[in-house]
Amino acid sequence: CHWAFRFFCICGKANAACQPVVNSWGSLMADWGPLVAEHSAALQEFVLLARRVSPDQWNKPIAPGKWTPAEIVSHLSESYQVLRGELAGSPGMELRLSRLQRWLLRHTMLPRILASGKFPAAARAPREIRPREVQVDATGALHRLSTEADAFVQELFDPSRRSARLTHAYFGAMSARQSLRLVTVHTRHHARQIAAVS
């Protein structure tokens, strides 16, 4: 099985590498509290690291062809904003793949990301959450991120929304727990990038 890193799995015949990772969300994340705490810790780690980025580095790419720290913060803020919008009734991310492709990724790639805490190196962010409102001021940008992230968790934590299904462009519909776990992993992923320049 060869994984193309734009979230598409090209498989010949079924084999062990292409089988879903056995991981029941009901047993793994039965308690909502630890999941919220894990997200909070990831967000705090990211903000702490981003505050250490020098003003000179804030608007410079972290590596050739990569985003700047300012753009990374904007990207994270956009991610939470899109999810909050969908919770409020607005359209979520546009689905990019076929139903079969999304099913394959949701049952193979998604569990691997959640278990390992790592995204494929060349995975491209969906269009809706690419940097748009990039703030040159780090303090303002991080305040916006913290506000969006905290509001998302608070809104998702509402018991009436724990059965919500949120849309990911490549995975399709995800549960509230899957969504919160994914944004936690996502935030830690970018924290590692920020750590390299902070």
N, C-alpha and C. Protein backbone atom coordinates (compact mmCIF):
# COMPACT_ATOMS: atom_id res chain seq x y z
N CYS A 1 0.85 -1.19 0.00
CA CYS A 1 0.00 0.00 0.00
C CYS A 1 0.88 1.24 0.00
N HIS A 2 0.65 2.15 -0.91
CA HIS A 2 1.41 3.39 -0.99
C HIS A 2 0.51 4.55 -0.62
N TRP A 3 0.92 5.33 0.40
CA TRP A 3 0.12 6.50 0.82
C TRP A 3 0.66 7.72 0.10
N ALA A 4 -0.14 8.30 -0.76
CA ALA A 4 0.22 9.56 -1.39
C ALA A 4 -0.13 10.65 -0.39
N PHE A 5 0.77 11.58 -0.18
CA PHE A 5 0.61 12.49 0.94
C PHE A 5 -0.27 13.68 0.65
N ARG A 6 -1.23 13.53 -0.24
CA ARG A 6 -2.32 14.48 -0.30
C ARG A 6 -3.57 13.77 0.15
N PHE A 7 -3.37 12.93 1.15
CA PHE A 7 -4.46 12.20 1.79
C PHE A 7 -5.23 11.31 0.82
N PHE A 8 -4.52 10.53 0.06
CA PHE A 8 -5.18 9.57 -0.82
C PHE A 8 -4.44 8.26 -0.73
N CYS A 9 -5.16 7.17 -0.52
CA CYS A 9 -4.52 5.87 -0.40
C CYS A 9 -4.74 5.09 -1.70
N ILE A 10 -3.64 4.72 -2.33
CA ILE A 10 -3.72 3.93 -3.55
C ILE A 10 -3.35 2.50 -3.18
N CYS A 11 -4.33 1.63 -3.12
CA CYS A 11 -4.06 0.26 -2.70
C CYS A 11 -4.30 -0.70 -3.85
N GLY A 12 -3.41 -1.68 -4.00
CA GLY A 12 -3.65 -2.75 -4.94
C GLY A 12 -4.66 -3.69 -4.35
N LYS A 13 -4.22 -4.71 -3.66
CA LYS A 13 -5.14 -5.61 -2.99
C LYS A 13 -5.05 -5.38 -1.49
N ALA A 14 -6.11 -5.74 -0.80
CA ALA A 14 -6.15 -5.51 0.65
C ALA A 14 -5.02 -6.26 1.32
N ASN A 15 -4.37 -5.58 2.28
CA ASN A 15 -3.36 -6.23 3.09
C ASN A 15 -3.37 -5.60 4.47
N ALA A 16 -2.54 -6.10 5.35
CA ALA A 16 -2.58 -5.65 6.75
C ALA A 16 -2.33 -4.17 6.87
N ALA A 17 -1.46 -3.61 6.02
CA ALA A 17 -1.14 -2.19 6.13
C ALA A 17 -2.32 -1.31 5.80
N CYS A 18 -3.28 -1.83 5.06
CA CYS A 18 -4.42 -1.03 4.66
C CYS A 18 -5.63 -1.27 5.53
N GLN A 19 -5.51 -2.09 6.56
CA GLN A 19 -6.65 -2.36 7.41
C GLN A 19 -6.80 -1.26 8.44
N PRO A 20 -8.03 -0.93 8.85
CA PRO A 20 -8.23 0.09 9.86
C PRO A 20 -7.52 -0.27 11.16
N VAL A 21 -6.98 0.77 11.82
CA VAL A 21 -6.40 0.56 13.13
C VAL A 21 -7.52 0.31 14.12
N VAL A 22 -7.45 -0.77 14.86
CA VAL A 22 -8.53 -1.11 15.79
C VAL A 22 -8.41 -0.19 17.00
N ASN A 23 -9.36 0.70 17.14
CA ASN A 23 -9.28 1.70 18.20
C ASN A 23 -10.67 2.24 18.45
N SER A 24 -11.35 1.72 19.41
CA SER A 24 -12.72 2.12 19.69
C SER A 24 -12.75 3.44 20.44
N TRP A 25 -13.41 4.41 19.85
CA TRP A 25 -13.52 5.70 20.53
C TRP A 25 -14.34 5.57 21.80
N GLY A 26 -15.29 4.65 21.81
CA GLY A 26 -16.11 4.48 22.99
C GLY A 26 -15.29 4.08 24.20
N SER A 27 -14.30 3.18 24.00
CA SER A 27 -13.47 2.74 25.11
C SER A 27 -12.29 3.66 25.35
N LEU A 28 -11.71 4.21 24.27
CA LEU A 28 -10.51 5.02 24.41
C LEU A 28 -10.82 6.39 25.02
N MET A 29 -11.94 6.99 24.64
CA MET A 29 -12.26 8.34 25.07
C MET A 29 -13.63 8.39 25.74
N ALA A 30 -13.91 7.45 26.63
CA ALA A 30 -15.20 7.42 27.30
C ALA A 30 -15.38 8.64 28.19
N ASP A 31 -14.30 9.15 28.75
CA ASP A 31 -14.35 10.30 29.63
C ASP A 31 -13.98 11.55 28.83
N TRP A 32 -14.90 12.49 28.75
CA TRP A 32 -14.69 13.71 27.97
C TRP A 32 -13.63 14.61 28.60
N GLY A 33 -13.55 14.63 29.94
CA GLY A 33 -12.65 15.54 30.64
C GLY A 33 -11.20 15.46 30.22
N PRO A 34 -10.59 14.25 30.19
CA PRO A 34 -9.19 14.15 29.78
C PRO A 34 -8.94 14.66 28.36
N LEU A 35 -9.91 14.49 27.49
CA LEU A 35 -9.77 14.96 26.12
C LEU A 35 -9.70 16.48 26.09
N VAL A 36 -10.54 17.14 26.88
CA VAL A 36 -10.53 18.60 26.96
C VAL A 36 -9.22 19.07 27.57
N ALA A 37 -8.76 18.39 28.62
CA ALA A 37 -7.51 18.77 29.28
C ALA A 37 -6.32 18.62 28.34
N GLU A 38 -6.32 17.57 27.54
CA GLU A 38 -5.23 17.35 26.59
C GLU A 38 -5.19 18.47 25.56
N HIS A 39 -6.36 18.88 25.09
CA HIS A 39 -6.41 19.99 24.13
C HIS A 39 -5.90 21.28 24.76
N SER A 40 -6.32 21.55 25.97
CA SER A 40 -5.89 22.76 26.66
C SER A 40 -4.37 22.80 26.82
N ALA A 41 -3.78 21.66 27.16
CA ALA A 41 -2.34 21.59 27.31
C ALA A 41 -1.63 21.83 25.98
N ALA A 42 -2.17 21.28 24.90
CA ALA A 42 -1.58 21.48 23.57
C ALA A 42 -1.63 22.94 23.17
N LEU A 43 -2.76 23.58 23.42
CA LEU A 43 -2.91 24.99 23.07
C LEU A 43 -1.95 25.85 23.89
N GLN A 44 -1.85 25.59 25.18
CA GLN A 44 -0.95 26.37 26.04
C GLN A 44 0.50 26.19 25.61
N GLU A 45 0.86 24.97 25.23
CA GLU A 45 2.23 24.73 24.76
C GLU A 45 2.52 25.53 23.50
N PHE A 46 1.55 25.52 22.56
CA PHE A 46 1.75 26.26 21.31
C PHE A 46 1.90 27.75 21.58
N VAL A 47 1.01 28.32 22.38
CA VAL A 47 1.06 29.75 22.67
C VAL A 47 2.37 30.14 23.34
N LEU A 48 2.82 29.32 24.30
CA LEU A 48 4.08 29.59 24.99
C LEU A 48 5.25 29.63 24.01
N LEU A 49 5.29 28.65 23.12
CA LEU A 49 6.37 28.60 22.14
C LEU A 49 6.29 29.77 21.16
N ALA A 50 5.09 30.10 20.72
CA ALA A 50 4.91 31.19 19.75
C ALA A 50 5.31 32.53 20.34
N ARG A 51 5.09 32.71 21.64
CA ARG A 51 5.48 33.97 22.29
C ARG A 51 6.99 34.15 22.32
N ARG A 52 7.72 33.06 22.17
CA ARG A 52 9.18 33.14 22.19
C ARG A 52 9.77 33.47 20.83
N VAL A 53 8.94 33.44 19.79
CA VAL A 53 9.44 33.76 18.45
C VAL A 53 9.80 35.25 18.39
N SER A 54 10.96 35.54 17.91
CA SER A 54 11.41 36.94 17.85
C SER A 54 10.60 37.71 16.81
N PRO A 55 10.48 39.03 16.97
CA PRO A 55 9.77 39.84 15.97
C PRO A 55 10.35 39.69 14.57
N ASP A 56 11.67 39.53 14.48
CA ASP A 56 12.30 39.37 13.16
C ASP A 56 11.90 38.06 12.49
N GLN A 57 11.65 37.03 13.30
CA GLN A 57 11.32 35.71 12.75
C GLN A 57 9.84 35.55 12.50
N TRP A 58 8.99 36.36 13.14
CA TRP A 58 7.54 36.19 13.11
C TRP A 58 6.97 36.14 11.69
N ASN A 59 7.50 36.96 10.81
CA ASN A 59 6.98 37.04 9.45
C ASN A 59 7.93 36.45 8.41
N LYS A 60 8.84 35.58 8.86
CA LYS A 60 9.74 34.89 7.94
C LYS A 60 9.36 33.42 7.88
N PRO A 61 9.40 32.80 6.71
CA PRO A 61 9.10 31.36 6.60
C PRO A 61 9.99 30.55 7.53
N ILE A 62 9.40 29.53 8.16
CA ILE A 62 10.18 28.69 9.08
C ILE A 62 11.18 27.82 8.32
N ALA A 63 10.95 27.66 7.02
CA ALA A 63 11.85 26.91 6.13
C ALA A 63 11.46 27.29 4.71
N PRO A 64 12.32 27.06 3.74
CA PRO A 64 11.97 27.40 2.35
C PRO A 64 10.67 26.72 1.92
N GLY A 65 9.76 27.52 1.39
CA GLY A 65 8.49 27.01 0.91
C GLY A 65 7.47 26.75 1.99
N LYS A 66 7.80 27.08 3.26
CA LYS A 66 6.88 26.85 4.38
C LYS A 66 6.25 28.16 4.82
N TRP A 67 5.23 28.05 5.68
CA TRP A 67 4.58 29.23 6.21
C TRP A 67 5.46 29.93 7.23
N THR A 68 5.11 31.20 7.48
CA THR A 68 5.73 31.95 8.55
C THR A 68 5.02 31.61 9.87
N PRO A 69 5.63 31.91 11.02
CA PRO A 69 4.91 31.72 12.28
C PRO A 69 3.57 32.45 12.30
N ALA A 70 3.54 33.65 11.74
CA ALA A 70 2.28 34.41 11.69
C ALA A 70 1.23 33.66 10.89
N GLU A 71 1.63 33.05 9.78
CA GLU A 71 0.69 32.29 8.96
C GLU A 71 0.24 31.01 9.66
N ILE A 72 1.12 30.38 10.39
CA ILE A 72 0.74 29.17 11.13
C ILE A 72 -0.32 29.50 12.17
N VAL A 73 -0.14 30.60 12.89
CA VAL A 73 -1.13 31.00 13.88
C VAL A 73 -2.46 31.31 13.20
N SER A 74 -2.41 32.00 12.08
CA SER A 74 -3.64 32.30 11.33
C SER A 74 -4.32 31.00 10.89
N HIS A 75 -3.55 30.05 10.41
CA HIS A 75 -4.08 28.76 9.98
C HIS A 75 -4.81 28.04 11.11
N LEU A 76 -4.21 28.04 12.30
CA LEU A 76 -4.86 27.40 13.44
C LEU A 76 -6.16 28.13 13.81
N SER A 77 -6.11 29.45 13.80
CA SER A 77 -7.31 30.23 14.12
C SER A 77 -8.42 29.95 13.11
N GLU A 78 -8.06 29.89 11.84
CA GLU A 78 -9.04 29.60 10.79
C GLU A 78 -9.65 28.21 11.00
N SER A 79 -8.84 27.26 11.44
CA SER A 79 -9.34 25.90 11.67
C SER A 79 -10.45 25.89 12.71
N TYR A 80 -10.19 26.55 13.84
CA TYR A 80 -11.21 26.62 14.89
C TYR A 80 -12.43 27.41 14.43
N GLN A 81 -12.19 28.47 13.68
CA GLN A 81 -13.30 29.31 13.24
C GLN A 81 -14.24 28.56 12.31
N VAL A 82 -13.67 27.77 11.40
CA VAL A 82 -14.49 26.98 10.48
C VAL A 82 -15.31 25.94 11.24
N LEU A 83 -14.70 25.29 12.21
CA LEU A 83 -15.42 24.29 13.01
C LEU A 83 -16.53 24.94 13.84
N ARG A 84 -16.24 26.10 14.41
CA ARG A 84 -17.27 26.81 15.18
C ARG A 84 -18.42 27.22 14.28
N GLY A 85 -18.09 27.65 13.08
CA GLY A 85 -19.13 28.03 12.14
C GLY A 85 -20.05 26.87 11.80
N GLU A 86 -19.46 25.70 11.61
CA GLU A 86 -20.28 24.54 11.29
C GLU A 86 -21.17 24.15 12.48
N LEU A 87 -20.63 24.26 13.69
CA LEU A 87 -21.45 23.99 14.87
C LEU A 87 -22.65 24.93 14.94
N ALA A 88 -22.45 26.15 14.45
CA ALA A 88 -23.52 27.16 14.50
C ALA A 88 -24.46 27.07 13.31
N GLY A 89 -24.17 26.16 12.39
CA GLY A 89 -25.09 25.96 11.27
C GLY A 89 -24.56 26.40 9.92
N SER A 90 -23.35 26.94 9.86
CA SER A 90 -22.77 27.34 8.58
C SER A 90 -22.16 26.13 7.89
N PRO A 91 -21.91 26.24 6.59
CA PRO A 91 -21.26 25.12 5.89
C PRO A 91 -19.88 24.86 6.46
N GLY A 92 -19.50 23.58 6.52
CA GLY A 92 -18.16 23.23 6.98
C GLY A 92 -17.21 23.19 5.80
N MET A 93 -16.15 22.42 5.91
CA MET A 93 -15.21 22.28 4.81
C MET A 93 -15.88 21.58 3.63
N GLU A 94 -15.48 21.97 2.45
CA GLU A 94 -15.98 21.31 1.25
C GLU A 94 -15.33 19.93 1.12
N LEU A 95 -16.12 18.93 0.86
CA LEU A 95 -15.58 17.58 0.69
C LEU A 95 -14.80 17.50 -0.61
N ARG A 96 -13.58 16.99 -0.53
CA ARG A 96 -12.69 16.99 -1.70
C ARG A 96 -12.61 15.64 -2.41
N LEU A 97 -12.90 14.56 -1.71
CA LEU A 97 -12.72 13.23 -2.26
C LEU A 97 -14.06 12.51 -2.39
N SER A 98 -14.03 11.37 -3.05
CA SER A 98 -15.24 10.57 -3.19
C SER A 98 -15.61 9.95 -1.85
N ARG A 99 -16.82 9.44 -1.75
CA ARG A 99 -17.26 8.81 -0.50
C ARG A 99 -16.37 7.63 -0.13
N LEU A 100 -15.99 6.82 -1.11
CA LEU A 100 -15.13 5.67 -0.84
C LEU A 100 -13.75 6.12 -0.35
N GLN A 101 -13.18 7.12 -1.01
CA GLN A 101 -11.87 7.62 -0.60
C GLN A 101 -11.91 8.16 0.83
N ARG A 102 -12.97 8.91 1.15
CA ARG A 102 -13.09 9.45 2.51
C ARG A 102 -13.23 8.32 3.52
N TRP A 103 -14.00 7.31 3.18
CA TRP A 103 -14.19 6.17 4.09
C TRP A 103 -12.85 5.49 4.35
N LEU A 104 -12.08 5.29 3.30
CA LEU A 104 -10.77 4.64 3.46
C LEU A 104 -9.86 5.46 4.38
N LEU A 105 -9.82 6.76 4.15
CA LEU A 105 -8.95 7.60 4.96
C LEU A 105 -9.44 7.70 6.40
N ARG A 106 -10.75 7.74 6.57
CA ARG A 106 -11.31 7.85 7.92
C ARG A 106 -11.04 6.59 8.74
N HIS A 107 -10.90 5.45 8.07
CA HIS A 107 -10.69 4.20 8.79
C HIS A 107 -9.25 3.70 8.74
N THR A 108 -8.37 4.43 8.09
CA THR A 108 -6.96 4.03 8.03
C THR A 108 -6.06 5.19 8.45
N MET A 109 -6.05 6.25 7.67
CA MET A 109 -5.16 7.38 7.95
C MET A 109 -5.54 8.12 9.23
N LEU A 110 -6.82 8.40 9.44
CA LEU A 110 -7.23 9.16 10.63
C LEU A 110 -6.83 8.46 11.93
N PRO A 111 -7.13 7.17 12.12
CA PRO A 111 -6.69 6.51 13.35
C PRO A 111 -5.18 6.55 13.54
N ARG A 112 -4.43 6.46 12.44
CA ARG A 112 -2.98 6.50 12.55
C ARG A 112 -2.49 7.88 13.01
N ILE A 113 -3.11 8.92 12.48
CA ILE A 113 -2.76 10.28 12.90
C ILE A 113 -3.07 10.48 14.37
N LEU A 114 -4.24 10.05 14.80
CA LEU A 114 -4.65 10.23 16.19
C LEU A 114 -3.79 9.39 17.14
N ALA A 115 -3.37 8.22 16.69
CA ALA A 115 -2.55 7.36 17.54
C ALA A 115 -1.10 7.83 17.62
N SER A 116 -0.56 8.31 16.50
CA SER A 116 0.84 8.70 16.46
C SER A 116 1.06 10.16 16.82
N GLY A 117 0.01 10.98 16.67
CA GLY A 117 0.16 12.41 16.91
C GLY A 117 0.89 13.13 15.80
N LYS A 118 1.00 12.50 14.63
CA LYS A 118 1.76 13.09 13.54
C LYS A 118 0.95 13.10 12.24
N PHE A 119 1.12 14.18 11.48
CA PHE A 119 0.52 14.29 10.15
C PHE A 119 1.55 13.90 9.11
N PRO A 120 1.10 13.40 7.95
CA PRO A 120 2.05 13.16 6.86
C PRO A 120 2.78 14.45 6.51
N ALA A 121 4.07 14.34 6.25
CA ALA A 121 4.92 15.52 6.07
C ALA A 121 4.45 16.45 4.96
N ALA A 122 3.92 15.91 3.87
CA ALA A 122 3.54 16.74 2.73
C ALA A 122 2.04 16.97 2.62
N ALA A 123 1.29 16.70 3.69
CA ALA A 123 -0.15 16.89 3.64
C ALA A 123 -0.47 18.38 3.49
N ARG A 124 -1.39 18.69 2.59
CA ARG A 124 -1.74 20.09 2.32
C ARG A 124 -3.02 20.45 3.06
N ALA A 125 -3.03 21.61 3.66
CA ALA A 125 -4.21 22.06 4.40
C ALA A 125 -5.37 22.31 3.45
N PRO A 126 -6.60 21.92 3.84
CA PRO A 126 -7.76 22.25 3.02
C PRO A 126 -7.86 23.76 2.80
N ARG A 127 -8.43 24.15 1.69
CA ARG A 127 -8.48 25.55 1.30
C ARG A 127 -9.10 26.44 2.37
N GLU A 128 -10.16 25.97 3.03
CA GLU A 128 -10.90 26.80 3.98
C GLU A 128 -10.08 27.21 5.20
N ILE A 129 -9.02 26.47 5.49
CA ILE A 129 -8.27 26.77 6.71
C ILE A 129 -6.83 27.20 6.41
N ARG A 130 -6.58 27.59 5.18
CA ARG A 130 -5.28 28.17 4.88
C ARG A 130 -5.24 29.61 5.40
N PRO A 131 -4.06 30.13 5.69
CA PRO A 131 -3.96 31.46 6.29
C PRO A 131 -4.64 32.54 5.46
N ARG A 132 -5.49 33.32 6.11
CA ARG A 132 -6.15 34.44 5.45
C ARG A 132 -5.95 35.73 6.24
N GLU A 133 -6.40 35.74 7.48
CA GLU A 133 -6.26 36.93 8.32
C GLU A 133 -4.94 36.85 9.08
N VAL A 134 -3.86 37.17 8.39
CA VAL A 134 -2.53 37.08 8.99
C VAL A 134 -2.21 38.39 9.70
N GLN A 135 -1.95 38.30 10.99
CA GLN A 135 -1.66 39.47 11.80
C GLN A 135 -0.16 39.61 12.03
N VAL A 136 0.34 40.79 11.76
CA VAL A 136 1.78 41.03 11.94
C VAL A 136 2.12 41.15 13.42
N ASP A 137 1.13 41.44 14.23
CA ASP A 137 1.33 41.57 15.67
C ASP A 137 1.10 40.22 16.34
N ALA A 138 2.13 39.67 16.96
CA ALA A 138 2.03 38.34 17.57
C ALA A 138 1.03 38.31 18.71
N THR A 139 1.02 39.35 19.52
CA THR A 139 0.11 39.37 20.67
C THR A 139 -1.34 39.29 20.23
N GLY A 140 -1.70 40.07 19.24
CA GLY A 140 -3.07 40.04 18.73
C GLY A 140 -3.42 38.72 18.07
N ALA A 141 -2.46 38.17 17.34
CA ALA A 141 -2.70 36.89 16.65
C ALA A 141 -2.93 35.76 17.65
N LEU A 142 -2.12 35.72 18.69
CA LEU A 142 -2.25 34.65 19.68
C LEU A 142 -3.49 34.83 20.54
N HIS A 143 -3.88 36.07 20.76
CA HIS A 143 -5.14 36.31 21.48
C HIS A 143 -6.32 35.79 20.66
N ARG A 144 -6.29 36.05 19.37
CA ARG A 144 -7.36 35.55 18.50
C ARG A 144 -7.40 34.03 18.52
N LEU A 145 -6.23 33.40 18.42
CA LEU A 145 -6.17 31.94 18.44
C LEU A 145 -6.75 31.38 19.74
N SER A 146 -6.32 31.91 20.86
CA SER A 146 -6.80 31.42 22.15
C SER A 146 -8.31 31.60 22.28
N THR A 147 -8.81 32.73 21.80
CA THR A 147 -10.25 33.00 21.88
C THR A 147 -11.04 32.01 21.04
N GLU A 148 -10.58 31.77 19.81
CA GLU A 148 -11.27 30.84 18.91
C GLU A 148 -11.22 29.42 19.47
N ALA A 149 -10.06 29.01 19.96
CA ALA A 149 -9.90 27.64 20.46
C ALA A 149 -10.74 27.41 21.70
N ASP A 150 -10.70 28.34 22.64
CA ASP A 150 -11.47 28.18 23.87
C ASP A 150 -12.98 28.18 23.59
N ALA A 151 -13.39 29.03 22.66
CA ALA A 151 -14.82 29.08 22.32
C ALA A 151 -15.27 27.78 21.65
N PHE A 152 -14.41 27.23 20.80
CA PHE A 152 -14.75 25.97 20.14
C PHE A 152 -14.96 24.85 21.16
N VAL A 153 -14.05 24.74 22.11
CA VAL A 153 -14.16 23.68 23.12
C VAL A 153 -15.42 23.89 23.97
N GLN A 154 -15.66 25.14 24.35
CA GLN A 154 -16.84 25.43 25.15
C GLN A 154 -18.12 25.08 24.41
N GLU A 155 -18.18 25.43 23.14
CA GLU A 155 -19.37 25.15 22.35
C GLU A 155 -19.51 23.65 22.08
N LEU A 156 -18.40 22.99 21.85
CA LEU A 156 -18.45 21.55 21.60
C LEU A 156 -18.78 20.78 22.88
N PHE A 157 -18.37 21.34 24.02
CA PHE A 157 -18.59 20.69 25.31
C PHE A 157 -20.06 20.67 25.71
N ASP A 158 -20.85 21.54 25.09
CA ASP A 158 -22.29 21.56 25.36
C ASP A 158 -22.85 20.17 25.11
N PRO A 159 -23.52 19.56 26.11
CA PRO A 159 -24.04 18.19 25.94
C PRO A 159 -24.90 18.01 24.70
N SER A 160 -25.58 19.07 24.29
CA SER A 160 -26.45 18.96 23.12
C SER A 160 -25.64 18.82 21.83
N ARG A 161 -24.33 19.08 21.89
CA ARG A 161 -23.51 19.04 20.68
C ARG A 161 -22.53 17.87 20.68
N ARG A 162 -22.53 17.06 21.72
CA ARG A 162 -21.57 15.96 21.76
C ARG A 162 -21.88 14.88 20.73
N SER A 163 -23.07 14.93 20.17
CA SER A 163 -23.40 14.00 19.09
C SER A 163 -23.21 14.67 17.73
N ALA A 164 -22.63 15.87 17.73
CA ALA A 164 -22.43 16.60 16.48
C ALA A 164 -21.46 15.86 15.56
N ARG A 165 -21.65 16.05 14.27
CA ARG A 165 -20.73 15.52 13.27
C ARG A 165 -20.13 16.71 12.54
N LEU A 166 -18.82 16.82 12.58
CA LEU A 166 -18.12 17.92 11.93
C LEU A 166 -17.39 17.41 10.69
N THR A 167 -17.30 18.27 9.68
CA THR A 167 -16.80 17.86 8.37
C THR A 167 -15.33 18.16 8.19
N HIS A 168 -14.59 17.16 7.75
CA HIS A 168 -13.21 17.36 7.32
C HIS A 168 -13.14 17.10 5.82
N ALA A 169 -12.39 17.93 5.11
CA ALA A 169 -12.36 17.85 3.65
C ALA A 169 -11.95 16.48 3.13
N TYR A 170 -11.06 15.78 3.86
CA TYR A 170 -10.53 14.51 3.39
C TYR A 170 -11.10 13.30 4.13
N PHE A 171 -11.56 13.51 5.36
CA PHE A 171 -12.08 12.39 6.16
C PHE A 171 -13.59 12.33 6.18
N GLY A 172 -14.26 13.40 5.79
CA GLY A 172 -15.72 13.44 5.85
C GLY A 172 -16.21 13.73 7.26
N ALA A 173 -17.35 13.14 7.63
CA ALA A 173 -17.98 13.42 8.93
C ALA A 173 -17.19 12.77 10.06
N MET A 174 -16.90 13.57 11.08
CA MET A 174 -16.21 13.06 12.26
C MET A 174 -17.02 13.38 13.51
N SER A 175 -16.90 12.54 14.52
CA SER A 175 -17.61 12.76 15.78
C SER A 175 -16.99 13.94 16.52
N ALA A 176 -17.69 14.41 17.56
CA ALA A 176 -17.17 15.51 18.37
C ALA A 176 -15.83 15.12 18.99
N ARG A 177 -15.72 13.91 19.51
CA ARG A 177 -14.48 13.47 20.13
C ARG A 177 -13.35 13.36 19.10
N GLN A 178 -13.65 12.81 17.96
CA GLN A 178 -12.64 12.73 16.92
C GLN A 178 -12.18 14.13 16.51
N SER A 179 -13.12 15.04 16.39
CA SER A 179 -12.79 16.41 15.97
C SER A 179 -11.89 17.09 16.98
N LEU A 180 -12.23 16.96 18.27
CA LEU A 180 -11.41 17.60 19.30
C LEU A 180 -10.04 16.96 19.38
N ARG A 181 -9.99 15.65 19.27
CA ARG A 181 -8.70 14.96 19.29
C ARG A 181 -7.85 15.38 18.10
N LEU A 182 -8.47 15.54 16.92
CA LEU A 182 -7.72 15.91 15.73
C LEU A 182 -7.15 17.33 15.85
N VAL A 183 -7.93 18.28 16.37
CA VAL A 183 -7.40 19.64 16.50
C VAL A 183 -6.30 19.68 17.57
N THR A 184 -6.37 18.79 18.56
CA THR A 184 -5.30 18.70 19.55
C THR A 184 -4.00 18.24 18.88
N VAL A 185 -4.08 17.17 18.11
CA VAL A 185 -2.91 16.67 17.38
C VAL A 185 -2.40 17.72 16.40
N HIS A 186 -3.33 18.40 15.75
CA HIS A 186 -3.00 19.44 14.78
C HIS A 186 -2.22 20.57 15.44
N THR A 187 -2.67 21.00 16.62
CA THR A 187 -2.00 22.08 17.34
C THR A 187 -0.60 21.65 17.77
N ARG A 188 -0.46 20.42 18.25
CA ARG A 188 0.87 19.92 18.64
C ARG A 188 1.79 19.79 17.42
N HIS A 189 1.24 19.42 16.31
CA HIS A 189 2.01 19.32 15.06
C HIS A 189 2.65 20.66 14.74
N HIS A 190 1.87 21.72 14.82
CA HIS A 190 2.41 23.04 14.50
C HIS A 190 3.27 23.59 15.63
N ALA A 191 3.05 23.14 16.86
CA ALA A 191 3.91 23.55 17.96
C ALA A 191 5.34 23.06 17.72
N ARG A 192 5.47 21.86 17.17
CA ARG A 192 6.81 21.33 16.87
C ARG A 192 7.50 22.20 15.82
N GLN A 193 6.73 22.72 14.87
CA GLN A 193 7.32 23.60 13.86
C GLN A 193 7.77 24.91 14.50
N ILE A 194 6.93 25.46 15.35
CA ILE A 194 7.25 26.73 16.01
C ILE A 194 8.46 26.58 16.93
N ALA A 195 8.56 25.42 17.57
CA ALA A 195 9.68 25.19 18.50
C ALA A 195 11.03 25.29 17.79
N ALA A 196 11.04 24.98 16.51
CA ALA A 196 12.30 25.01 15.75
C ALA A 196 12.83 26.43 15.53
N VAL A 197 11.94 27.43 15.68
CA VAL A 197 12.37 28.81 15.44
C VAL A 197 12.19 29.70 16.65
N SER A 198 11.72 29.14 17.76
CA SER A 198 11.47 29.97 18.95
C SER A 198 12.67 29.96 19.90
